Amino acid sequence: GQGGEQYAEMHKNEPHVLMLEADAGVYKPAR
């Protein structure tokens, strides 16, 4: 997870209102 850690360090002072991650495959949308 170094990419996510270093993204946070670089962008932590920017005003984010949502982080969305898709990392569970491509299957029928459900939840």
mmCIF file of all heavy atoms, coordinates in Angstrom:
data_MODEL
# 
_entry.id   MODEL 
# 
loop_
_atom_site.group_PDB 
_atom_site.id 
_atom_site.type_symbol 
_atom_site.label_atom_id 
_atom_site.label_alt_id 
_atom_site.label_comp_id 
_atom_site.label_asym_id 
_atom_site.label_entity_id 
_atom_site.label_seq_id 
_atom_site.pdbx_PDB_ins_code 
_atom_site.Cartn_x 
_atom_site.Cartn_y 
_atom_site.Cartn_z 
_atom_site.occupancy 
_atom_site.B_iso_or_equiv 
_atom_site.pdbx_formal_charge 
_atom_site.auth_seq_id 
_atom_site.auth_comp_id 
_atom_site.auth_asym_id 
_atom_site.auth_atom_id 
_atom_site.pdbx_PDB_model_num 
ATOM 1   N N   . GLY A 1 1  ? 0.781   -1.226  0.000   1.00 0.00 ? 1  GLY A N   1 
ATOM 2   C CA  . GLY A 1 1  ? 0.000   0.000   0.000   1.00 0.00 ? 1  GLY A CA  1 
ATOM 3   C C   . GLY A 1 1  ? 0.815   1.280   0.000   1.00 0.00 ? 1  GLY A C   1 
ATOM 4   O O   . GLY A 1 1  ? 0.311   2.335   0.397   1.00 0.00 ? 1  GLY A O   1 
ATOM 5   N N   . GLN A 1 2  ? 2.037   1.215   -0.485  1.00 0.00 ? 2  GLN A N   1 
ATOM 6   C CA  . GLN A 1 2  ? 2.883   2.409   -0.450  1.00 0.00 ? 2  GLN A CA  1 
ATOM 7   C C   . GLN A 1 2  ? 2.338   3.535   -1.327  1.00 0.00 ? 2  GLN A C   1 
ATOM 8   O O   . GLN A 1 2  ? 2.529   4.716   -1.026  1.00 0.00 ? 2  GLN A O   1 
ATOM 9   C CB  . GLN A 1 2  ? 4.309   2.050   -0.884  1.00 0.00 ? 2  GLN A CB  1 
ATOM 10  C CG  . GLN A 1 2  ? 5.071   1.181   0.094   1.00 0.00 ? 2  GLN A CG  1 
ATOM 11  C CD  . GLN A 1 2  ? 4.747   -0.303  -0.044  1.00 0.00 ? 2  GLN A CD  1 
ATOM 12  O OE1 . GLN A 1 2  ? 4.053   -0.723  -0.979  1.00 0.00 ? 2  GLN A OE1 1 
ATOM 13  N NE2 . GLN A 1 2  ? 5.252   -1.109  0.882   1.00 0.00 ? 2  GLN A NE2 1 
ATOM 14  N N   . GLY A 1 3  ? 1.648   3.185   -2.427  1.00 0.00 ? 3  GLY A N   1 
ATOM 15  C CA  . GLY A 1 3  ? 1.077   4.209   -3.285  1.00 0.00 ? 3  GLY A CA  1 
ATOM 16  C C   . GLY A 1 3  ? 0.042   5.046   -2.566  1.00 0.00 ? 3  GLY A C   1 
ATOM 17  O O   . GLY A 1 3  ? 0.035   6.282   -2.672  1.00 0.00 ? 3  GLY A O   1 
ATOM 18  N N   . GLY A 1 4  ? -0.836  4.391   -1.809  1.00 0.00 ? 4  GLY A N   1 
ATOM 19  C CA  . GLY A 1 4  ? -1.849  5.112   -1.052  1.00 0.00 ? 4  GLY A CA  1 
ATOM 20  C C   . GLY A 1 4  ? -1.250  5.934   0.071   1.00 0.00 ? 4  GLY A C   1 
ATOM 21  O O   . GLY A 1 4  ? -1.690  7.063   0.344   1.00 0.00 ? 4  GLY A O   1 
ATOM 22  N N   . GLU A 1 5  ? -0.240  5.377   0.738   1.00 0.00 ? 5  GLU A N   1 
ATOM 23  C CA  . GLU A 1 5  ? 0.405   6.101   1.837   1.00 0.00 ? 5  GLU A CA  1 
ATOM 24  C C   . GLU A 1 5  ? 1.076   7.380   1.337   1.00 0.00 ? 5  GLU A C   1 
ATOM 25  O O   . GLU A 1 5  ? 0.959   8.443   1.954   1.00 0.00 ? 5  GLU A O   1 
ATOM 26  C CB  . GLU A 1 5  ? 1.434   5.194   2.515   1.00 0.00 ? 5  GLU A CB  1 
ATOM 27  C CG  . GLU A 1 5  ? 0.826   4.027   3.279   1.00 0.00 ? 5  GLU A CG  1 
ATOM 28  C CD  . GLU A 1 5  ? 1.868   3.039   3.753   1.00 0.00 ? 5  GLU A CD  1 
ATOM 29  O OE1 . GLU A 1 5  ? 3.065   3.217   3.403   1.00 0.00 ? 5  GLU A OE1 1 
ATOM 30  O OE2 . GLU A 1 5  ? 1.497   2.077   4.446   1.00 0.00 ? 5  GLU A OE2 1 
ATOM 31  N N   . GLN A 1 6  ? 1.767   7.265   0.197   1.00 0.00 ? 6  GLN A N   1 
ATOM 32  C CA  . GLN A 1 6  ? 2.493   8.428   -0.303  1.00 0.00 ? 6  GLN A CA  1 
ATOM 33  C C   . GLN A 1 6  ? 1.560   9.431   -0.979  1.00 0.00 ? 6  GLN A C   1 
ATOM 34  O O   . GLN A 1 6  ? 1.842   10.636  -0.992  1.00 0.00 ? 6  GLN A O   1 
ATOM 35  C CB  . GLN A 1 6  ? 3.627   7.966   -1.221  1.00 0.00 ? 6  GLN A CB  1 
ATOM 36  C CG  . GLN A 1 6  ? 4.705   7.217   -0.435  1.00 0.00 ? 6  GLN A CG  1 
ATOM 37  C CD  . GLN A 1 6  ? 5.779   6.581   -1.296  1.00 0.00 ? 6  GLN A CD  1 
ATOM 38  O OE1 . GLN A 1 6  ? 6.469   7.265   -2.043  1.00 0.00 ? 6  GLN A OE1 1 
ATOM 39  N NE2 . GLN A 1 6  ? 5.926   5.264   -1.201  1.00 0.00 ? 6  GLN A NE2 1 
ATOM 40  N N   . TYR A 1 7  ? 0.428   8.961   -1.518  1.00 0.00 ? 7  TYR A N   1 
ATOM 41  C CA  . TYR A 1 7  ? -0.593  9.893   -2.007  1.00 0.00 ? 7  TYR A CA  1 
ATOM 42  C C   . TYR A 1 7  ? -1.105  10.738  -0.845  1.00 0.00 ? 7  TYR A C   1 
ATOM 43  O O   . TYR A 1 7  ? -1.252  11.969  -0.970  1.00 0.00 ? 7  TYR A O   1 
ATOM 44  C CB  . TYR A 1 7  ? -1.757  9.131   -2.644  1.00 0.00 ? 7  TYR A CB  1 
ATOM 45  C CG  . TYR A 1 7  ? -2.895  10.031  -3.091  1.00 0.00 ? 7  TYR A CG  1 
ATOM 46  C CD1 . TYR A 1 7  ? -2.947  10.524  -4.386  1.00 0.00 ? 7  TYR A CD1 1 
ATOM 47  C CD2 . TYR A 1 7  ? -3.912  10.392  -2.206  1.00 0.00 ? 7  TYR A CD2 1 
ATOM 48  C CE1 . TYR A 1 7  ? -3.983  11.358  -4.797  1.00 0.00 ? 7  TYR A CE1 1 
ATOM 49  C CE2 . TYR A 1 7  ? -4.948  11.233  -2.602  1.00 0.00 ? 7  TYR A CE2 1 
ATOM 50  C CZ  . TYR A 1 7  ? -4.973  11.710  -3.902  1.00 0.00 ? 7  TYR A CZ  1 
ATOM 51  O OH  . TYR A 1 7  ? -5.990  12.554  -4.293  1.00 0.00 ? 7  TYR A OH  1 
ATOM 52  N N   . ALA A 1 8  ? -1.387  10.103  0.278   1.00 0.00 ? 8  ALA A N   1 
ATOM 53  C CA  . ALA A 1 8  ? -1.897  10.838  1.440   1.00 0.00 ? 8  ALA A CA  1 
ATOM 54  C C   . ALA A 1 8  ? -0.893  11.860  1.934   1.00 0.00 ? 8  ALA A C   1 
ATOM 55  O O   . ALA A 1 8  ? -1.257  12.994  2.279   1.00 0.00 ? 8  ALA A O   1 
ATOM 56  C CB  . ALA A 1 8  ? -2.260  9.853   2.560   1.00 0.00 ? 8  ALA A CB  1 
ATOM 57  N N   . GLU A 1 9  ? 0.366   11.485  1.977   1.00 0.00 ? 9  GLU A N   1 
ATOM 58  C CA  . GLU A 1 9  ? 1.393   12.417  2.425   1.00 0.00 ? 9  GLU A CA  1 
ATOM 59  C C   . GLU A 1 9  ? 1.483   13.619  1.489   1.00 0.00 ? 9  GLU A C   1 
ATOM 60  O O   . GLU A 1 9  ? 1.653   14.767  1.932   1.00 0.00 ? 9  GLU A O   1 
ATOM 61  C CB  . GLU A 1 9  ? 2.740   11.704  2.509   1.00 0.00 ? 9  GLU A CB  1 
ATOM 62  C CG  . GLU A 1 9  ? 3.863   12.547  3.072   1.00 0.00 ? 9  GLU A CG  1 
ATOM 63  C CD  . GLU A 1 9  ? 3.610   13.027  4.492   1.00 0.00 ? 9  GLU A CD  1 
ATOM 64  O OE1 . GLU A 1 9  ? 2.921   12.312  5.260   1.00 0.00 ? 9  GLU A OE1 1 
ATOM 65  O OE2 . GLU A 1 9  ? 4.096   14.135  4.832   1.00 0.00 ? 9  GLU A OE2 1 
ATOM 66  N N   . MET A 1 10 ? 1.319   13.381  0.206   1.00 0.00 ? 10 MET A N   1 
ATOM 67  C CA  . MET A 1 10 ? 1.438   14.447  -0.787  1.00 0.00 ? 10 MET A CA  1 
ATOM 68  C C   . MET A 1 10 ? 0.202   15.349  -0.831  1.00 0.00 ? 10 MET A C   1 
ATOM 69  O O   . MET A 1 10 ? 0.297   16.545  -1.087  1.00 0.00 ? 10 MET A O   1 
ATOM 70  C CB  . MET A 1 10 ? 1.676   13.813  -2.165  1.00 0.00 ? 10 MET A CB  1 
ATOM 71  C CG  . MET A 1 10 ? 1.980   14.807  -3.275  1.00 0.00 ? 10 MET A CG  1 
ATOM 72  S SD  . MET A 1 10 ? 2.354   13.957  -4.839  1.00 0.00 ? 10 MET A SD  1 
ATOM 73  C CE  . MET A 1 10 ? 3.787   12.988  -4.375  1.00 0.00 ? 10 MET A CE  1 
ATOM 74  N N   . HIS A 1 11 ? -0.983  14.768  -0.548  1.00 0.00 ? 11 HIS A N   1 
ATOM 75  C CA  . HIS A 1 11 ? -2.239  15.505  -0.784  1.00 0.00 ? 11 HIS A CA  1 
ATOM 76  C C   . HIS A 1 11 ? -3.067  15.735  0.475   1.00 0.00 ? 11 HIS A C   1 
ATOM 77  O O   . HIS A 1 11 ? -4.214  16.179  0.380   1.00 0.00 ? 11 HIS A O   1 
ATOM 78  C CB  . HIS A 1 11 ? -3.087  14.739  -1.806  1.00 0.00 ? 11 HIS A CB  1 
ATOM 79  C CG  . HIS A 1 11 ? -2.461  14.624  -3.159  1.00 0.00 ? 11 HIS A CG  1 
ATOM 80  N ND1 . HIS A 1 11 ? -2.396  15.671  -4.052  1.00 0.00 ? 11 HIS A ND1 1 
ATOM 81  C CD2 . HIS A 1 11 ? -1.843  13.567  -3.771  1.00 0.00 ? 11 HIS A CD2 1 
ATOM 82  C CE1 . HIS A 1 11 ? -1.797  15.279  -5.161  1.00 0.00 ? 11 HIS A CE1 1 
ATOM 83  N NE2 . HIS A 1 11 ? -1.440  14.009  -5.015  1.00 0.00 ? 11 HIS A NE2 1 
ATOM 84  N N   . LYS A 1 12 ? -2.523  15.455  1.637   1.00 0.00 ? 12 LYS A N   1 
ATOM 85  C CA  . LYS A 1 12 ? -3.311  15.527  2.864   1.00 0.00 ? 12 LYS A CA  1 
ATOM 86  C C   . LYS A 1 12 ? -3.851  16.917  3.158   1.00 0.00 ? 12 LYS A C   1 
ATOM 87  O O   . LYS A 1 12 ? -4.849  17.057  3.885   1.00 0.00 ? 12 LYS A O   1 
ATOM 88  C CB  . LYS A 1 12 ? -2.500  15.011  4.053   1.00 0.00 ? 12 LYS A CB  1 
ATOM 89  C CG  . LYS A 1 12 ? -1.244  15.832  4.341   1.00 0.00 ? 12 LYS A CG  1 
ATOM 90  C CD  . LYS A 1 12 ? -0.429  15.186  5.448   1.00 0.00 ? 12 LYS A CD  1 
ATOM 91  C CE  . LYS A 1 12 ? 0.870   15.957  5.715   1.00 0.00 ? 12 LYS A CE  1 
ATOM 92  N NZ  . LYS A 1 12 ? 1.688   15.288  6.742   1.00 0.00 ? 12 LYS A NZ  1 
ATOM 93  N N   . ASN A 1 13 ? -3.232  17.958  2.630   1.00 0.00 ? 13 ASN A N   1 
ATOM 94  C CA  . ASN A 1 13 ? -3.692  19.316  2.904   1.00 0.00 ? 13 ASN A CA  1 
ATOM 95  C C   . ASN A 1 13 ? -4.673  19.838  1.853   1.00 0.00 ? 13 ASN A C   1 
ATOM 96  O O   . ASN A 1 13 ? -5.146  20.969  1.960   1.00 0.00 ? 13 ASN A O   1 
ATOM 97  C CB  . ASN A 1 13 ? -2.489  20.267  3.008   1.00 0.00 ? 13 ASN A CB  1 
ATOM 98  C CG  . ASN A 1 13 ? -1.623  19.945  4.216   1.00 0.00 ? 13 ASN A CG  1 
ATOM 99  O OD1 . ASN A 1 13 ? -2.125  19.608  5.283   1.00 0.00 ? 13 ASN A OD1 1 
ATOM 100 N ND2 . ASN A 1 13 ? -0.311  20.033  4.039   1.00 0.00 ? 13 ASN A ND2 1 
ATOM 101 N N   . GLU A 1 14 ? -4.980  19.021  0.855   1.00 0.00 ? 14 GLU A N   1 
ATOM 102 C CA  . GLU A 1 14 ? -5.988  19.402  -0.131  1.00 0.00 ? 14 GLU A CA  1 
ATOM 103 C C   . GLU A 1 14 ? -7.374  19.030  0.381   1.00 0.00 ? 14 GLU A C   1 
ATOM 104 O O   . GLU A 1 14 ? -7.542  18.003  1.052   1.00 0.00 ? 14 GLU A O   1 
ATOM 105 C CB  . GLU A 1 14 ? -5.734  18.706  -1.471  1.00 0.00 ? 14 GLU A CB  1 
ATOM 106 C CG  . GLU A 1 14 ? -4.451  19.122  -2.153  1.00 0.00 ? 14 GLU A CG  1 
ATOM 107 C CD  . GLU A 1 14 ? -4.205  18.367  -3.436  1.00 0.00 ? 14 GLU A CD  1 
ATOM 108 O OE1 . GLU A 1 14 ? -4.846  17.315  -3.647  1.00 0.00 ? 14 GLU A OE1 1 
ATOM 109 O OE2 . GLU A 1 14 ? -3.366  18.813  -4.225  1.00 0.00 ? 14 GLU A OE2 1 
ATOM 110 N N   . PRO A 1 15 ? -8.405  19.818  0.057   1.00 0.00 ? 15 PRO A N   1 
ATOM 111 C CA  . PRO A 1 15 ? -9.760  19.554  0.571   1.00 0.00 ? 15 PRO A CA  1 
ATOM 112 C C   . PRO A 1 15 ? -10.447 18.413  -0.178  1.00 0.00 ? 15 PRO A C   1 
ATOM 113 O O   . PRO A 1 15 ? -11.097 18.631  -1.206  1.00 0.00 ? 15 PRO A O   1 
ATOM 114 C CB  . PRO A 1 15 ? -10.481 20.885  0.350   1.00 0.00 ? 15 PRO A CB  1 
ATOM 115 C CG  . PRO A 1 15 ? -9.768  21.512  -0.799  1.00 0.00 ? 15 PRO A CG  1 
ATOM 116 C CD  . PRO A 1 15 ? -8.332  21.087  -0.690  1.00 0.00 ? 15 PRO A CD  1 
ATOM 117 N N   . HIS A 1 16 ? -10.272 17.196  0.292   1.00 0.00 ? 16 HIS A N   1 
ATOM 118 C CA  . HIS A 1 16 ? -10.982 16.042  -0.259  1.00 0.00 ? 16 HIS A CA  1 
ATOM 119 C C   . HIS A 1 16 ? -12.327 15.867  0.463   1.00 0.00 ? 16 HIS A C   1 
ATOM 120 O O   . HIS A 1 16 ? -12.408 16.048  1.678   1.00 0.00 ? 16 HIS A O   1 
ATOM 121 C CB  . HIS A 1 16 ? -10.163 14.773  -0.069  1.00 0.00 ? 16 HIS A CB  1 
ATOM 122 C CG  . HIS A 1 16 ? -8.975  14.656  -0.974  1.00 0.00 ? 16 HIS A CG  1 
ATOM 123 N ND1 . HIS A 1 16 ? -7.896  15.516  -0.900  1.00 0.00 ? 16 HIS A ND1 1 
ATOM 124 C CD2 . HIS A 1 16 ? -8.689  13.773  -1.979  1.00 0.00 ? 16 HIS A CD2 1 
ATOM 125 C CE1 . HIS A 1 16 ? -6.986  15.162  -1.809  1.00 0.00 ? 16 HIS A CE1 1 
ATOM 126 N NE2 . HIS A 1 16 ? -7.450  14.106  -2.479  1.00 0.00 ? 16 HIS A NE2 1 
ATOM 127 N N   . VAL A 1 17 ? -13.357 15.486  -0.290  1.00 0.00 ? 17 VAL A N   1 
ATOM 128 C CA  . VAL A 1 17 ? -14.668 15.216  0.311   1.00 0.00 ? 17 VAL A CA  1 
ATOM 129 C C   . VAL A 1 17 ? -15.066 13.751  0.175   1.00 0.00 ? 17 VAL A C   1 
ATOM 130 O O   . VAL A 1 17 ? -16.076 13.323  0.740   1.00 0.00 ? 17 VAL A O   1 
ATOM 131 C CB  . VAL A 1 17 ? -15.764 16.118  -0.287  1.00 0.00 ? 17 VAL A CB  1 
ATOM 132 C CG1 . VAL A 1 17 ? -15.472 17.579  0.034   1.00 0.00 ? 17 VAL A CG1 1 
ATOM 133 C CG2 . VAL A 1 17 ? -15.903 15.915  -1.794  1.00 0.00 ? 17 VAL A CG2 1 
ATOM 134 N N   . LEU A 1 18 ? -14.277 12.961  -0.579  1.00 0.00 ? 18 LEU A N   1 
ATOM 135 C CA  . LEU A 1 18 ? -14.542 11.529  -0.686  1.00 0.00 ? 18 LEU A CA  1 
ATOM 136 C C   . LEU A 1 18 ? -13.331 10.838  -1.295  1.00 0.00 ? 18 LEU A C   1 
ATOM 137 O O   . LEU A 1 18 ? -12.692 11.357  -2.207  1.00 0.00 ? 18 LEU A O   1 
ATOM 138 C CB  . LEU A 1 18 ? -15.767 11.254  -1.567  1.00 0.00 ? 18 LEU A CB  1 
ATOM 139 C CG  . LEU A 1 18 ? -16.120 9.762   -1.750  1.00 0.00 ? 18 LEU A CG  1 
ATOM 140 C CD1 . LEU A 1 18 ? -16.646 9.178   -0.431  1.00 0.00 ? 18 LEU A CD1 1 
ATOM 141 C CD2 . LEU A 1 18 ? -17.143 9.550   -2.862  1.00 0.00 ? 18 LEU A CD2 1 
ATOM 142 N N   . MET A 1 19 ? -13.056 9.629   -0.768  1.00 0.00 ? 19 MET A N   1 
ATOM 143 C CA  . MET A 1 19 ? -12.102 8.712   -1.380  1.00 0.00 ? 19 MET A CA  1 
ATOM 144 C C   . MET A 1 19 ? -12.876 7.440   -1.722  1.00 0.00 ? 19 MET A C   1 
ATOM 145 O O   . MET A 1 19 ? -13.543 6.869   -0.862  1.00 0.00 ? 19 MET A O   1 
ATOM 146 C CB  . MET A 1 19 ? -10.970 8.369   -0.410  1.00 0.00 ? 19 MET A CB  1 
ATOM 147 C CG  . MET A 1 19 ? -10.187 9.553   0.126   1.00 0.00 ? 19 MET A CG  1 
ATOM 148 S SD  . MET A 1 19 ? -9.224  10.414  -1.119  1.00 0.00 ? 19 MET A SD  1 
ATOM 149 C CE  . MET A 1 19 ? -8.086  9.108   -1.653  1.00 0.00 ? 19 MET A CE  1 
ATOM 150 N N   . LEU A 1 20 ? -12.822 7.005   -2.986  1.00 0.00 ? 20 LEU A N   1 
ATOM 151 C CA  . LEU A 1 20 ? -13.491 5.761   -3.394  1.00 0.00 ? 20 LEU A CA  1 
ATOM 152 C C   . LEU A 1 20 ? -12.461 4.817   -3.985  1.00 0.00 ? 20 LEU A C   1 
ATOM 153 O O   . LEU A 1 20 ? -11.670 5.215   -4.845  1.00 0.00 ? 20 LEU A O   1 
ATOM 154 C CB  . LEU A 1 20 ? -14.599 6.036   -4.410  1.00 0.00 ? 20 LEU A CB  1 
ATOM 155 C CG  . LEU A 1 20 ? -15.402 4.808   -4.873  1.00 0.00 ? 20 LEU A CG  1 
ATOM 156 C CD1 . LEU A 1 20 ? -16.839 5.201   -5.217  1.00 0.00 ? 20 LEU A CD1 1 
ATOM 157 C CD2 . LEU A 1 20 ? -14.782 4.087   -6.084  1.00 0.00 ? 20 LEU A CD2 1 
ATOM 158 N N   . GLU A 1 21 ? -12.497 3.564   -3.538  1.00 0.00 ? 21 GLU A N   1 
ATOM 159 C CA  . GLU A 1 21 ? -11.588 2.546   -4.064  1.00 0.00 ? 21 GLU A CA  1 
ATOM 160 C C   . GLU A 1 21 ? -12.380 1.375   -4.611  1.00 0.00 ? 21 GLU A C   1 
ATOM 161 O O   . GLU A 1 21 ? -13.326 0.889   -3.983  1.00 0.00 ? 21 GLU A O   1 
ATOM 162 C CB  . GLU A 1 21 ? -10.641 2.056   -2.964  1.00 0.00 ? 21 GLU A CB  1 
ATOM 163 C CG  . GLU A 1 21 ? -9.636  1.031   -3.451  1.00 0.00 ? 21 GLU A CG  1 
ATOM 164 C CD  . GLU A 1 21 ? -8.550  0.730   -2.434  1.00 0.00 ? 21 GLU A CD  1 
ATOM 165 O OE1 . GLU A 1 21 ? -8.480  1.426   -1.402  1.00 0.00 ? 21 GLU A OE1 1 
ATOM 166 O OE2 . GLU A 1 21 ? -7.759  -0.194  -2.675  1.00 0.00 ? 21 GLU A OE2 1 
ATOM 167 N N   . ALA A 1 22 ? -11.991 0.912   -5.795  1.00 0.00 ? 22 ALA A N   1 
ATOM 168 C CA  . ALA A 1 22 ? -12.560 -0.298  -6.393  1.00 0.00 ? 22 ALA A CA  1 
ATOM 169 C C   . ALA A 1 22 ? -11.447 -1.334  -6.466  1.00 0.00 ? 22 ALA A C   1 
ATOM 170 O O   . ALA A 1 22 ? -10.530 -1.196  -7.266  1.00 0.00 ? 22 ALA A O   1 
ATOM 171 C CB  . ALA A 1 22 ? -13.131 -0.001  -7.779  1.00 0.00 ? 22 ALA A CB  1 
ATOM 172 N N   . ASP A 1 23 ? -11.534 -2.357  -5.638  1.00 0.00 ? 23 ASP A N   1 
ATOM 173 C CA  . ASP A 1 23 ? -10.487 -3.382  -5.587  1.00 0.00 ? 23 ASP A CA  1 
ATOM 174 C C   . ASP A 1 23 ? -11.087 -4.709  -5.153  1.00 0.00 ? 23 ASP A C   1 
ATOM 175 O O   . ASP A 1 23 ? -10.585 -5.377  -4.255  1.00 0.00 ? 23 ASP A O   1 
ATOM 176 C CB  . ASP A 1 23 ? -9.369  -2.951  -4.629  1.00 0.00 ? 23 ASP A CB  1 
ATOM 177 C CG  . ASP A 1 23 ? -8.170  -3.900  -4.663  1.00 0.00 ? 23 ASP A CG  1 
ATOM 178 O OD1 . ASP A 1 23 ? -8.091  -4.722  -5.593  1.00 0.00 ? 23 ASP A OD1 1 
ATOM 179 O OD2 . ASP A 1 23 ? -7.325  -3.815  -3.760  1.00 0.00 ? 23 ASP A OD2 1 
ATOM 180 N N   . ALA A 1 24 ? -12.195 -5.086  -5.807  1.00 0.00 ? 24 ALA A N   1 
ATOM 181 C CA  . ALA A 1 24 ? -12.830 -6.363  -5.484  1.00 0.00 ? 24 ALA A CA  1 
ATOM 182 C C   . ALA A 1 24 ? -13.320 -7.059  -6.747  1.00 0.00 ? 24 ALA A C   1 
ATOM 183 O O   . ALA A 1 24 ? -14.295 -7.811  -6.719  1.00 0.00 ? 24 ALA A O   1 
ATOM 184 C CB  . ALA A 1 24 ? -13.995 -6.150  -4.507  1.00 0.00 ? 24 ALA A CB  1 
ATOM 185 N N   . GLY A 1 25 ? -12.661 -6.797  -7.855  1.00 0.00 ? 25 GLY A N   1 
ATOM 186 C CA  . GLY A 1 25 ? -13.016 -7.450  -9.101  1.00 0.00 ? 25 GLY A CA  1 
ATOM 187 C C   . GLY A 1 25 ? -14.145 -6.759  -9.840  1.00 0.00 ? 25 GLY A C   1 
ATOM 188 O O   . GLY A 1 25 ? -14.744 -5.795  -9.371  1.00 0.00 ? 25 GLY A O   1 
ATOM 189 N N   . VAL A 1 26 ? -14.407 -7.281  -11.052 1.00 0.00 ? 26 VAL A N   1 
ATOM 190 C CA  . VAL A 1 26 ? -15.480 -6.762  -11.904 1.00 0.00 ? 26 VAL A CA  1 
ATOM 191 C C   . VAL A 1 26 ? -16.575 -7.808  -11.967 1.00 0.00 ? 26 VAL A C   1 
ATOM 192 O O   . VAL A 1 26 ? -16.501 -8.776  -12.731 1.00 0.00 ? 26 VAL A O   1 
ATOM 193 C CB  . VAL A 1 26 ? -14.955 -6.446  -13.320 1.00 0.00 ? 26 VAL A CB  1 
ATOM 194 C CG1 . VAL A 1 26 ? -16.082 -5.915  -14.201 1.00 0.00 ? 26 VAL A CG1 1 
ATOM 195 C CG2 . VAL A 1 26 ? -13.819 -5.439  -13.253 1.00 0.00 ? 26 VAL A CG2 1 
ATOM 196 N N   . TYR A 1 27 ? -17.588 -7.602  -11.126 1.00 0.00 ? 27 TYR A N   1 
ATOM 197 C CA  . TYR A 1 27 ? -18.743 -8.489  -11.057 1.00 0.00 ? 27 TYR A CA  1 
ATOM 198 C C   . TYR A 1 27 ? -19.994 -7.629  -10.936 1.00 0.00 ? 27 TYR A C   1 
ATOM 199 O O   . TYR A 1 27 ? -19.917 -6.399  -10.946 1.00 0.00 ? 27 TYR A O   1 
ATOM 200 C CB  . TYR A 1 27 ? -18.609 -9.453  -9.870  1.00 0.00 ? 27 TYR A CB  1 
ATOM 201 C CG  . TYR A 1 27 ? -17.363 -10.301 -9.930  1.00 0.00 ? 27 TYR A CG  1 
ATOM 202 C CD1 . TYR A 1 27 ? -16.198 -9.896  -9.279  1.00 0.00 ? 27 TYR A CD1 1 
ATOM 203 C CD2 . TYR A 1 27 ? -17.335 -11.480 -10.666 1.00 0.00 ? 27 TYR A CD2 1 
ATOM 204 C CE1 . TYR A 1 27 ? -15.039 -10.659 -9.360  1.00 0.00 ? 27 TYR A CE1 1 
ATOM 205 C CE2 . TYR A 1 27 ? -16.173 -12.248 -10.743 1.00 0.00 ? 27 TYR A CE2 1 
ATOM 206 C CZ  . TYR A 1 27 ? -15.032 -11.833 -10.083 1.00 0.00 ? 27 TYR A CZ  1 
ATOM 207 O OH  . TYR A 1 27 ? -13.893 -12.580 -10.168 1.00 0.00 ? 27 TYR A OH  1 
ATOM 208 N N   . LYS A 1 28 ? -21.134 -8.252  -10.816 1.00 0.00 ? 28 LYS A N   1 
ATOM 209 C CA  . LYS A 1 28 ? -22.401 -7.521  -10.791 1.00 0.00 ? 28 LYS A CA  1 
ATOM 210 C C   . LYS A 1 28 ? -22.413 -6.484  -9.671  1.00 0.00 ? 28 LYS A C   1 
ATOM 211 O O   . LYS A 1 28 ? -22.151 -6.809  -8.509  1.00 0.00 ? 28 LYS A O   1 
ATOM 212 C CB  . LYS A 1 28 ? -23.548 -8.503  -10.585 1.00 0.00 ? 28 LYS A CB  1 
ATOM 213 C CG  . LYS A 1 28 ? -24.923 -7.857  -10.578 1.00 0.00 ? 28 LYS A CG  1 
ATOM 214 C CD  . LYS A 1 28 ? -26.004 -8.888  -10.357 1.00 0.00 ? 28 LYS A CD  1 
ATOM 215 C CE  . LYS A 1 28 ? -27.378 -8.223  -10.272 1.00 0.00 ? 28 LYS A CE  1 
ATOM 216 N NZ  . LYS A 1 28 ? -28.449 -9.223  -10.020 1.00 0.00 ? 28 LYS A NZ  1 
ATOM 217 N N   . PRO A 1 29 ? -22.711 -5.216  -9.998  1.00 0.00 ? 29 PRO A N   1 
ATOM 218 C CA  . PRO A 1 29 ? -22.791 -4.201  -8.937  1.00 0.00 ? 29 PRO A CA  1 
ATOM 219 C C   . PRO A 1 29 ? -23.813 -4.595  -7.886  1.00 0.00 ? 29 PRO A C   1 
ATOM 220 O O   . PRO A 1 29 ? -24.927 -5.002  -8.213  1.00 0.00 ? 29 PRO A O   1 
ATOM 221 C CB  . PRO A 1 29 ? -23.239 -2.944  -9.689  1.00 0.00 ? 29 PRO A CB  1 
ATOM 222 C CG  . PRO A 1 29 ? -22.814 -3.178  -11.102 1.00 0.00 ? 29 PRO A CG  1 
ATOM 223 C CD  . PRO A 1 29 ? -22.961 -4.657  -11.332 1.00 0.00 ? 29 PRO A CD  1 
ATOM 224 N N   . ALA A 1 30 ? -23.412 -4.495  -6.623  1.00 0.00 ? 30 ALA A N   1 
ATOM 225 C CA  . ALA A 1 30 ? -24.310 -4.963  -5.563  1.00 0.00 ? 30 ALA A CA  1 
ATOM 226 C C   . ALA A 1 30 ? -24.286 -4.091  -4.322  1.00 0.00 ? 30 ALA A C   1 
ATOM 227 O O   . ALA A 1 30 ? -25.304 -3.959  -3.647  1.00 0.00 ? 30 ALA A O   1 
ATOM 228 C CB  . ALA A 1 30 ? -23.957 -6.405  -5.170  1.00 0.00 ? 30 ALA A CB  1 
ATOM 229 N N   . ARG A 1 31 ? -23.141 -3.488  -3.987  1.00 0.00 ? 31 ARG A N   1 
ATOM 230 C CA  . ARG A 1 31 ? -23.068 -2.766  -2.718  1.00 0.00 ? 31 ARG A CA  1 
ATOM 231 C C   . ARG A 1 31 ? -21.922 -1.760  -2.715  1.00 0.00 ? 31 ARG A C   1 
ATOM 232 O O   . ARG A 1 31 ? -20.936 -1.915  -3.438  1.00 0.00 ? 31 ARG A O   1 
ATOM 233 C CB  . ARG A 1 31 ? -22.886 -3.738  -1.559  1.00 0.00 ? 31 ARG A CB  1 
ATOM 234 C CG  . ARG A 1 31 ? -21.656 -4.599  -1.640  1.00 0.00 ? 31 ARG A CG  1 
ATOM 235 C CD  . ARG A 1 31 ? -21.648 -5.668  -0.542  1.00 0.00 ? 31 ARG A CD  1 
ATOM 236 N NE  . ARG A 1 31 ? -22.644 -6.676  -0.808  1.00 0.00 ? 31 ARG A NE  1 
ATOM 237 C CZ  . ARG A 1 31 ? -22.419 -7.761  -1.560  1.00 0.00 ? 31 ARG A CZ  1 
ATOM 238 N NH1 . ARG A 1 31 ? -21.241 -7.945  -2.135  1.00 0.00 ? 31 ARG A NH1 1 
ATOM 239 N NH2 . ARG A 1 31 ? -23.362 -8.649  -1.741  1.00 0.00 ? 31 ARG A NH2 1 
# 
